[in-house]
Protein backbone atom coordinates (compact mmCIF):
# COMPACT_ATOMS: atom_id res chain seq x y z
CA MET A 1 0.11 -34.24 -5.76
CA THR A 2 -3.35 -32.80 -4.30
CA LEU A 3 -5.00 -35.67 -1.66
CA VAL A 4 -8.96 -35.90 -2.22
CA GLY A 5 -10.21 -33.18 0.19
CA GLN A 6 -7.23 -31.04 0.38
CA THR A 7 -7.10 -27.67 -0.97
CA HIS A 8 -4.69 -25.42 -1.47
CA HIS A 9 -4.63 -21.78 -1.08
CA CYS A 10 -2.66 -18.82 -2.85
CA MET A 11 -2.54 -15.75 -1.22
CA MET A 12 -2.59 -13.13 -4.16
CA LYS A 13 -1.11 -9.63 -3.98
CA PHE A 14 -3.27 -6.96 -5.60
CA TYR A 15 -1.78 -3.42 -6.41
CA TRP A 16 -3.39 -0.33 -6.44
CA THR A 17 -1.84 2.70 -4.93
CA ILE A 18 1.40 3.74 -5.90
CA PRO A 19 3.49 4.57 -2.75
CA GLN A 20 3.74 8.75 -2.82
CA GLY A 21 7.78 8.69 -2.77
CA LEU A 22 7.48 6.86 -5.81
CA LYS A 23 4.91 8.76 -7.24
CA GLU A 24 6.96 12.03 -6.87
CA HIS A 25 9.51 10.59 -9.30
CA TYR A 26 6.93 9.10 -11.42
CA LEU A 27 5.25 12.70 -11.88
CA LEU A 28 8.37 14.21 -12.29
CA GLU A 29 9.68 11.75 -15.35
CA LEU A 30 6.10 12.63 -17.05
CA ASP A 31 6.80 16.39 -16.45
CA LEU A 32 9.79 16.08 -17.86
CA TYR A 33 8.32 14.45 -21.24
CA LYS A 34 6.05 17.26 -21.49
CA THR A 35 8.36 19.66 -21.22
CA GLU A 36 10.42 17.72 -24.10
CA PHE A 37 7.75 17.06 -25.87
CA GLY A 38 6.07 20.60 -25.85
CA GLN A 39 9.57 21.86 -27.23
CA ARG A 40 9.70 19.14 -29.83
CA ASN A 41 12.20 17.08 -28.49
CA LEU A 42 11.03 13.68 -29.75
CA GLN A 43 13.21 11.28 -28.85
CA GLN A 44 14.08 12.80 -25.46
CA ALA A 45 10.41 12.85 -24.48
CA TRP A 46 9.86 9.30 -25.63
CA ARG A 47 12.35 8.25 -23.31
CA HIS A 48 10.76 9.91 -20.54
CA LEU A 49 7.73 7.91 -21.23
CA GLU A 50 9.90 4.45 -21.32
CA ARG A 51 11.47 5.97 -17.96
CA THR A 52 7.73 6.75 -16.70
CA HIS A 53 6.33 3.51 -17.64
CA ILE A 54 9.15 1.29 -15.75
CA LEU A 55 8.55 3.43 -12.48
CA ALA A 56 4.85 2.98 -13.17
CA GLN A 57 4.48 -0.97 -14.06
CA ALA A 58 3.65 -2.13 -10.73
CA TRP A 59 0.37 0.26 -10.43
CA PRO A 60 -2.37 -0.30 -12.63
CA ARG A 61 -3.77 3.56 -13.14
CA GLU A 62 -0.10 5.18 -13.55
CA HIS A 63 0.58 2.22 -15.68
CA SER A 64 -2.01 2.33 -17.88
CA TYR A 65 -1.80 6.05 -18.32
CA VAL A 66 1.52 5.73 -19.68
CA HIS A 67 0.24 3.23 -22.29
CA TRP A 68 -2.18 5.97 -23.19
CA ARG A 69 0.29 9.06 -23.21
CA MET A 70 2.08 6.30 -25.62
CA LEU A 71 -0.86 5.54 -27.31
CA LEU A 72 -1.37 9.51 -27.70
CA PHE A 73 2.47 9.90 -29.09
CA GLY A 74 2.41 7.41 -31.55
CA ILE A 75 -0.62 9.15 -33.14
CA HIS A 76 0.91 12.56 -32.90
CA ILE A 77 3.91 11.46 -35.20
CA LYS A 78 1.85 8.77 -36.81
CA ASN A 79 3.63 5.64 -36.19
CA LEU A 80 0.56 3.22 -36.90
CA ARG A 81 3.21 0.53 -35.42
CA GLU A 82 3.19 2.31 -32.18
CA ILE A 83 -0.95 2.93 -32.00
CA MET A 84 -1.23 -0.47 -32.58
CA GLY A 85 0.99 -1.57 -30.42
CA GLN A 86 -0.55 0.30 -27.49
CA ILE A 87 -3.74 -0.72 -27.85
CA PRO A 88 -3.42 -4.13 -26.53
CA ARG A 89 -1.36 -2.91 -23.87
CA LEU A 90 -3.29 -0.56 -22.53
CA LEU A 91 -6.16 -2.89 -22.35
CA ILE A 92 -4.12 -5.92 -20.45
CA GLY A 93 -1.13 -3.69 -18.89
CA GLY A 94 -3.01 -2.28 -15.99
CA VAL A 95 -4.83 -5.67 -15.17
CA LYS A 96 -0.81 -7.20 -15.54
CA SER A 97 -0.08 -4.59 -12.85
CA PHE A 98 -3.04 -5.04 -10.66
CA VAL A 99 -1.90 -9.13 -10.20
CA GLY A 100 1.51 -8.44 -10.13
CA ASN A 101 2.68 -10.26 -13.45
CA ILE A 102 5.21 -7.67 -15.16
CA PRO A 103 8.08 -8.10 -17.25
CA VAL A 104 10.17 -6.03 -14.93
CA GLY A 105 11.85 -2.88 -16.74
CA ASN A 106 10.11 -3.14 -20.03
CA THR A 107 9.72 0.01 -21.33
CA GLY A 108 6.81 -0.32 -22.85
CA GLY A 109 6.92 0.87 -26.29
CA ALA A 110 5.91 -1.17 -29.52
CA ASN A 111 9.62 -1.47 -30.38
CA VAL A 112 9.75 -4.40 -27.72
CA PRO A 113 8.15 -7.72 -26.38
CA PRO A 114 5.43 -6.80 -24.47
CA LEU A 115 6.30 -9.69 -22.10
CA LEU A 116 10.16 -9.22 -22.00
CA PRO A 117 12.11 -8.13 -19.09
CA MET A 118 14.51 -5.53 -19.20
CA GLU A 119 17.55 -4.59 -18.09
CA ILE A 120 16.44 -1.24 -15.50
CA PRO A 121 18.80 2.10 -15.62
CA GLU A 122 20.68 2.20 -12.11
CA ASP A 123 18.80 5.51 -11.06
CA LEU A 124 15.10 4.06 -11.86
CA SER A 125 16.58 0.79 -10.19
CA ARG A 126 17.58 2.34 -7.00
CA ILE A 127 14.15 4.23 -6.66
CA LEU A 128 12.51 1.13 -7.64
CA LYS A 129 14.43 -0.80 -4.68
CA ALA A 130 13.20 2.06 -2.10
CA TYR A 131 9.65 1.45 -2.94
CA GLN A 132 9.21 -2.36 -3.44
CA PRO A 133 5.49 -3.28 -3.24
């Protein structure tokens, strides 16, 4: 109940800079993606993009970049569903990260609902817990 003249202040935390230690894991997953993609191991490449997405979700620049890579991947494999699914994620995902409103563990592909929280693989969970915002 709000009384006349009473105001409520809400502190909103904004996320911008990914912690350096977490960034190293993020970059490693991106490198693994690039290696697998270069060797035409598309299923493994996609798996590393999903893992990169999980690590990057809370950080707008990195999160948006993963969706950009997913969009390019969709274009490369000529998957219209992935292409169309990545466009809104690319436009909105970074904003949701910025205000700390993300579906934790979501792998980021068009094959899963964009707001569905998902179980995080145990190794990534340990990494994320060490660098919680």
